[in-house]
Amino acid sequence: MRHEVEDADEICVVPGWQILHTHECPHLTAESLERLTTATPEQRDAYPMCTSCRAVLDGSRRQRFTSFEAAMEAFQAPLENRPMMREVAAELEFDEIWIPAPGPYIAVAVRRGVPAAAYFARGYVEVREPEGGYRVVALPVNSLRAGGGSAERRLEFAERATCQTCHMQLPASGRCDDCDV
């Protein structure tokens, strides 16, 4: 089921939180997205804007797709990698497909606000494991190297936590963009 967004530029709040968001916020969970309400003028004046939402309002929107093929074409995935990318995608359940600005990967998820089922980069795919975390699948054309550290480092941060202050999903760095916690 594809969840259509109301007005992506509408400034909103999650009741009980003191930070402004848009419907396009990549940090909000499915539950938080359902609780979003339009911010009052007083809230807009008093609360800070989520930095990711500020970027969205400034033009850094993710591209959404209705097919994985269209996403691969827009992403310009190497032709040699596409058959294996299709194989991995065929094993996954997803309705949401997007490429975040500035386009470092294709992400797929069951719905908005839940962890991605997989991230398809140019030379590898990170597939979410049922118990959490991600496994890396090397594609035919890649720059991964044995013992090189970058793939292993990504795995360290694959299970993303939620900020204890503002309750948003933390980015891969593990530090909240808004609270610096």
C-alpha atoms as a PDB file:
ATOM      1  CA  MET A   1       0.000   0.000   0.000  1.00  0.00           C
ATOM      2  CA  ARG A   2       1.488   3.341  -1.027  1.00  0.00           C
ATOM      3  CA  HIS A   3       1.032   6.064   1.582  1.00  0.00           C
ATOM      4  CA  GLU A   4       0.473   9.404  -0.135  1.00  0.00           C
ATOM      5  CA  VAL A   5       1.772  12.448   1.667  1.00  0.00           C
ATOM      6  CA  GLU A   6      -0.470  15.420   2.264  1.00  0.00           C
ATOM      7  CA  ASP A   7       1.452  18.689   1.835  1.00  0.00           C
ATOM      8  CA  ALA A   8       5.157  17.839   2.090  1.00  0.00           C
ATOM      9  CA  ASP A   9       5.984  21.477   2.979  1.00  0.00           C
ATOM     10  CA  GLU A  10       3.459  21.690   5.827  1.00  0.00           C
ATOM     11  CA  ILE A  11       5.215  22.486   9.123  1.00  0.00           C
ATOM     12  CA  CYS A  12       4.157  19.983  11.779  1.00  0.00           C
ATOM     13  CA  VAL A  13       4.890  18.764  15.296  1.00  0.00           C
ATOM     14  CA  VAL A  14       4.561  15.441  17.028  1.00  0.00           C
ATOM     15  CA  PRO A  15       2.490  16.092  20.167  1.00  0.00           C
ATOM     16  CA  GLY A  16       4.788  16.290  23.176  1.00  0.00           C
ATOM     17  CA  TRP A  17       7.915  17.057  21.142  1.00  0.00           C
ATOM     18  CA  GLN A  18       9.368  20.526  20.869  1.00  0.00           C
ATOM     19  CA  ILE A  19      10.777  20.367  17.356  1.00  0.00           C
ATOM     20  CA  LEU A  20       9.222  21.171  13.959  1.00  0.00           C
ATOM     21  CA  HIS A  21       9.043  18.623  11.139  1.00  0.00           C
ATOM     22  CA  THR A  22       7.631  18.121   7.645  1.00  0.00           C
ATOM     23  CA  HIS A  23       5.907  14.996   6.348  1.00  0.00           C
ATOM     24  CA  GLU A  24       9.137  14.225   4.452  1.00  0.00           C
ATOM     25  CA  CYS A  25      11.312  13.897   7.587  1.00  0.00           C
ATOM     26  CA  PRO A  26      13.555  10.827   7.185  1.00  0.00           C
ATOM     27  CA  HIS A  27      13.988  10.439  10.963  1.00  0.00           C
ATOM     28  CA  LEU A  28      10.365  10.011  11.991  1.00  0.00           C
ATOM     29  CA  THR A  29       9.055   6.530  12.710  1.00  0.00           C
ATOM     30  CA  ALA A  30       5.745   5.270  11.313  1.00  0.00           C
ATOM     31  CA  GLU A  31       4.101   5.952  14.666  1.00  0.00           C
ATOM     32  CA  SER A  32       5.464   9.521  14.762  1.00  0.00           C
ATOM     33  CA  LEU A  33       4.280  10.179  11.207  1.00  0.00           C
ATOM     34  CA  GLU A  34       0.756   9.114  12.188  1.00  0.00           C
ATOM     35  CA  ARG A  35       0.775  11.516  15.152  1.00  0.00           C
ATOM     36  CA  LEU A  36       1.966  14.603  13.199  1.00  0.00           C
ATOM     37  CA  THR A  37      -0.273  17.640  13.534  1.00  0.00           C
ATOM     38  CA  THR A  38      -0.040  21.057  11.921  1.00  0.00           C
ATOM     39  CA  ALA A  39       2.133  23.382  14.002  1.00  0.00           C
ATOM     40  CA  THR A  40       0.413  26.424  15.474  1.00  0.00           C
ATOM     41  CA  PRO A  41       1.885  29.884  14.807  1.00  0.00           C
ATOM     42  CA  GLU A  42       3.126  29.890  18.413  1.00  0.00           C
ATOM     43  CA  GLN A  43       4.903  26.553  17.951  1.00  0.00           C
ATOM     44  CA  ARG A  44       6.439  27.738  14.670  1.00  0.00           C
ATOM     45  CA  ASP A  45       7.868  30.760  16.496  1.00  0.00           C
ATOM     46  CA  ALA A  46       9.063  28.863  19.574  1.00  0.00           C
ATOM     47  CA  TYR A  47      10.391  25.495  18.302  1.00  0.00           C
ATOM     48  CA  PRO A  48      13.496  24.814  16.221  1.00  0.00           C
ATOM     49  CA  MET A  49      13.204  23.126  12.815  1.00  0.00           C
ATOM     50  CA  CYS A  50      14.636  19.630  12.389  1.00  0.00           C
ATOM     51  CA  THR A  51      17.818  20.034  10.306  1.00  0.00           C
ATOM     52  CA  SER A  52      16.762  17.286   7.888  1.00  0.00           C
ATOM     53  CA  CYS A  53      13.398  18.979   7.395  1.00  0.00           C
ATOM     54  CA  ARG A  54      15.150  22.310   6.836  1.00  0.00           C
ATOM     55  CA  ALA A  55      17.135  20.646   4.044  1.00  0.00           C
ATOM     56  CA  VAL A  56      13.881  19.300   2.549  1.00  0.00           C
ATOM     57  CA  LEU A  57      12.341  22.768   2.601  1.00  0.00           C
ATOM     58  CA  ASP A  58      15.502  24.138   0.985  1.00  0.00           C
ATOM     59  CA  GLY A  59      15.146  21.719  -1.942  1.00  0.00           C
ATOM     60  CA  SER A  60      16.949  18.516  -0.892  1.00  0.00           C
ATOM     61  CA  ARG A  61      14.038  16.141  -1.377  1.00  0.00           C
ATOM     62  CA  ARG A  62      14.325  12.428  -1.868  1.00  0.00           C
ATOM     63  CA  GLN A  63      13.132  11.116  -5.209  1.00  0.00           C
ATOM     64  CA  ARG A  64      10.328   8.556  -4.882  1.00  0.00           C
ATOM     65  CA  PHE A  65       9.680   5.809  -7.413  1.00  0.00           C
ATOM     66  CA  THR A  66       6.852   3.417  -8.189  1.00  0.00           C
ATOM     67  CA  SER A  67       9.178   0.745  -9.613  1.00  0.00           C
ATOM     68  CA  PHE A  68      12.611  -0.580  -8.737  1.00  0.00           C
ATOM     69  CA  GLU A  69      13.540  -0.489 -12.450  1.00  0.00           C
ATOM     70  CA  ALA A  70      12.838   3.244 -12.630  1.00  0.00           C
ATOM     71  CA  ALA A  71      14.938   3.800  -9.506  1.00  0.00           C
ATOM     72  CA  MET A  72      17.877   1.829 -10.958  1.00  0.00           C
ATOM     73  CA  GLU A  73      17.683   3.874 -14.150  1.00  0.00           C
ATOM     74  CA  ALA A  74      17.612   7.205 -12.269  1.00  0.00           C
ATOM     75  CA  PHE A  75      20.417   5.995  -9.987  1.00  0.00           C
ATOM     76  CA  GLN A  76      22.450   4.952 -13.037  1.00  0.00           C
ATOM     77  CA  ALA A  77      23.410   1.660 -11.439  1.00  0.00           C
ATOM     78  CA  PRO A  78      26.182  -0.114 -13.393  1.00  0.00           C
ATOM     79  CA  LEU A  79      24.577  -2.383 -15.990  1.00  0.00           C
ATOM     80  CA  GLU A  80      26.657  -5.341 -14.759  1.00  0.00           C
ATOM     81  CA  ASN A  81      25.132  -4.958 -11.257  1.00  0.00           C
ATOM     82  CA  ARG A  82      21.484  -4.693 -12.259  1.00  0.00           C
ATOM     83  CA  PRO A  83      20.693  -8.431 -12.589  1.00  0.00           C
ATOM     84  CA  MET A  84      22.001  -9.120  -9.069  1.00  0.00           C
ATOM     85  CA  MET A  85      20.251  -6.017  -7.717  1.00  0.00           C
ATOM     86  CA  ARG A  86      16.984  -7.342  -9.208  1.00  0.00           C
ATOM     87  CA  GLU A  87      17.602 -10.757  -7.585  1.00  0.00           C
ATOM     88  CA  VAL A  88      18.120  -9.189  -4.155  1.00  0.00           C
ATOM     89  CA  ALA A  89      15.086  -6.915  -4.587  1.00  0.00           C
ATOM     90  CA  ALA A  90      12.900  -9.875  -5.626  1.00  0.00           C
ATOM     91  CA  GLU A  91      13.540 -11.485  -2.222  1.00  0.00           C
ATOM     92  CA  LEU A  92      12.354  -8.395  -0.331  1.00  0.00           C
ATOM     93  CA  GLU A  93       8.937  -7.045   0.562  1.00  0.00           C
ATOM     94  CA  PHE A  94       8.641  -3.285  -0.062  1.00  0.00           C
ATOM     95  CA  ASP A  95       6.227  -0.601  -1.232  1.00  0.00           C
ATOM     96  CA  GLU A  96       8.441   2.460  -0.726  1.00  0.00           C
ATOM     97  CA  ILE A  97      11.355   3.113  -3.091  1.00  0.00           C
ATOM     98  CA  TRP A  98      13.458   6.271  -2.908  1.00  0.00           C
ATOM     99  CA  ILE A  99      16.810   7.864  -3.620  1.00  0.00           C
ATOM    100  CA  PRO A 100      17.779  10.487  -1.029  1.00  0.00           C
ATOM    101  CA  ALA A 101      19.401  13.738  -2.131  1.00  0.00           C
ATOM    102  CA  PRO A 102      22.172  13.821  -3.366  1.00  0.00           C
ATOM    103  CA  GLY A 103      21.651  10.226  -4.578  1.00  0.00           C
ATOM    104  CA  PRO A 104      24.127   7.938  -2.801  1.00  0.00           C
ATOM    105  CA  TYR A 105      21.875   4.838  -2.873  1.00  0.00           C
ATOM    106  CA  ILE A 106      18.426   3.385  -3.598  1.00  0.00           C
ATOM    107  CA  ALA A 107      16.486   2.523  -0.442  1.00  0.00           C
ATOM    108  CA  VAL A 108      13.449   0.260  -0.172  1.00  0.00           C
ATOM    109  CA  ALA A 109      11.081  -0.206   2.784  1.00  0.00           C
ATOM    110  CA  VAL A 110       7.732  -1.795   3.545  1.00  0.00           C
ATOM    111  CA  ARG A 111       6.346   1.694   4.308  1.00  0.00           C
ATOM    112  CA  ARG A 112       7.458   5.144   5.371  1.00  0.00           C
ATOM    113  CA  GLY A 113       8.810   5.464   8.889  1.00  0.00           C
ATOM    114  CA  VAL A 114      10.204   1.940   9.222  1.00  0.00           C
ATOM    115  CA  PRO A 115      13.830   0.867   8.772  1.00  0.00           C
ATOM    116  CA  ALA A 116      14.808   0.254   5.170  1.00  0.00           C
ATOM    117  CA  ALA A 117      14.667  -3.358   4.013  1.00  0.00           C
ATOM    118  CA  ALA A 118      17.785  -2.683   1.928  1.00  0.00           C
ATOM    119  CA  TYR A 119      20.137  -0.002   0.653  1.00  0.00           C
ATOM    120  CA  PHE A 120      21.373  -0.513  -2.922  1.00  0.00           C
ATOM    121  CA  ALA A 121      24.651   1.347  -3.473  1.00  0.00           C
ATOM    122  CA  ARG A 122      26.728   1.325  -6.662  1.00  0.00           C
ATOM    123  CA  GLY A 123      28.837  -1.693  -5.692  1.00  0.00           C
ATOM    124  CA  TYR A 124      27.028  -3.396  -2.828  1.00  0.00           C
ATOM    125  CA  VAL A 125      23.659  -3.928  -1.168  1.00  0.00           C
ATOM    126  CA  GLU A 126      23.009  -3.756   2.575  1.00  0.00           C
ATOM    127  CA  VAL A 127      20.087  -6.088   3.351  1.00  0.00           C
ATOM    128  CA  ARG A 128      18.315  -5.819   6.704  1.00  0.00           C
ATOM    129  CA  GLU A 129      18.431  -9.018   8.748  1.00  0.00           C
ATOM    130  CA  PRO A 130      15.282 -10.135  10.655  1.00  0.00           C
ATOM    131  CA  GLU A 131      17.131  -9.903  13.988  1.00  0.00           C
ATOM    132  CA  GLY A 132      18.383  -6.394  13.156  1.00  0.00           C
ATOM    133  CA  GLY A 133      21.493  -5.086  11.514  1.00  0.00           C
ATOM    134  CA  TYR A 134      22.403  -5.439   7.865  1.00  0.00           C
ATOM    135  CA  ARG A 135      24.419  -7.938   5.828  1.00  0.00           C
ATOM    136  CA  VAL A 136      26.495  -6.709   2.900  1.00  0.00           C
ATOM    137  CA  VAL A 137      26.107  -8.297  -0.534  1.00  0.00           C
ATOM    138  CA  ALA A 138      28.947  -7.381  -2.915  1.00  0.00           C
ATOM    139  CA  LEU A 139      27.839  -6.684  -6.480  1.00  0.00           C
ATOM    140  CA  PRO A 140      29.940  -7.660  -9.537  1.00  0.00           C
ATOM    141  CA  VAL A 141      31.238  -4.108 -10.064  1.00  0.00           C
ATOM    142  CA  ASN A 142      32.296  -2.751  -6.652  1.00  0.00           C
ATOM    143  CA  SER A 143      35.010  -1.019  -4.687  1.00  0.00           C
ATOM    144  CA  LEU A 144      34.690  -3.115  -1.529  1.00  0.00           C
ATOM    145  CA  ARG A 145      37.955  -4.672  -0.428  1.00  0.00           C
ATOM    146  CA  ALA A 146      38.644  -7.445   2.049  1.00  0.00           C
ATOM    147  CA  GLY A 147      39.606  -6.039   5.442  1.00  0.00           C
ATOM    148  CA  GLY A 148      39.253  -2.504   4.139  1.00  0.00           C
ATOM    149  CA  GLY A 149      37.026  -1.426   6.945  1.00  0.00           C
ATOM    150  CA  SER A 150      34.349   0.640   5.231  1.00  0.00           C
ATOM    151  CA  ALA A 151      31.829  -2.212   4.857  1.00  0.00           C
ATOM    152  CA  GLU A 152      32.580  -3.396   8.377  1.00  0.00           C
ATOM    153  CA  ARG A 153      32.249   0.157   9.683  1.00  0.00           C
ATOM    154  CA  ARG A 154      28.818   0.515   8.030  1.00  0.00           C
ATOM    155  CA  LEU A 155      27.706  -2.671   9.773  1.00  0.00           C
ATOM    156  CA  GLU A 156      28.648  -1.175  13.167  1.00  0.00           C
ATOM    157  CA  PHE A 157      26.090   1.588  12.638  1.00  0.00           C
ATOM    158  CA  ALA A 158      23.457  -0.419  10.755  1.00  0.00           C
ATOM    159  CA  GLU A 159      21.092  -0.813  13.717  1.00  0.00           C
ATOM    160  CA  ARG A 160      20.015   2.767  14.298  1.00  0.00           C
ATOM    161  CA  ALA A 161      18.761   3.864  17.667  1.00  0.00           C
ATOM    162  CA  THR A 162      16.311   6.611  18.602  1.00  0.00           C
ATOM    163  CA  CYS A 163      17.410   9.885  20.203  1.00  0.00           C
ATOM    164  CA  GLN A 164      16.445   9.904  23.875  1.00  0.00           C
ATOM    165  CA  THR A 165      15.768  13.663  23.780  1.00  0.00           C
ATOM    166  CA  CYS A 166      13.685  14.241  20.626  1.00  0.00           C
ATOM    167  CA  HIS A 167      12.755  10.614  19.811  1.00  0.00           C
ATOM    168  CA  MET A 168      13.876  10.768  16.183  1.00  0.00           C
ATOM    169  CA  GLN A 169      15.732   7.886  14.541  1.00  0.00           C
ATOM    170  CA  LEU A 170      19.454   8.583  14.746  1.00  0.00           C
ATOM    171  CA  PRO A 171      21.542   8.851  11.571  1.00  0.00           C
ATOM    172  CA  ALA A 172      24.361   6.379  10.910  1.00  0.00           C
ATOM    173  CA  SER A 173      26.761   8.514  12.968  1.00  0.00           C
ATOM    174  CA  GLY A 174      24.734   7.712  16.093  1.00  0.00           C
ATOM    175  CA  ARG A 175      24.545  11.436  16.971  1.00  0.00           C
ATOM    176  CA  CYS A 176      21.285  13.343  16.749  1.00  0.00           C
ATOM    177  CA  ASP A 177      21.417  16.059  14.086  1.00  0.00           C
ATOM    178  CA  ASP A 178      19.144  18.278  16.154  1.00  0.00           C
ATOM    179  CA  CYS A 179      20.185  17.669  19.746  1.00  0.00           C
ATOM    180  CA  ASP A 180      23.883  16.755  19.298  1.00  0.00           C
ATOM    181  CA  VAL A 181      23.406  14.002  21.871  1.00  0.00           C
END
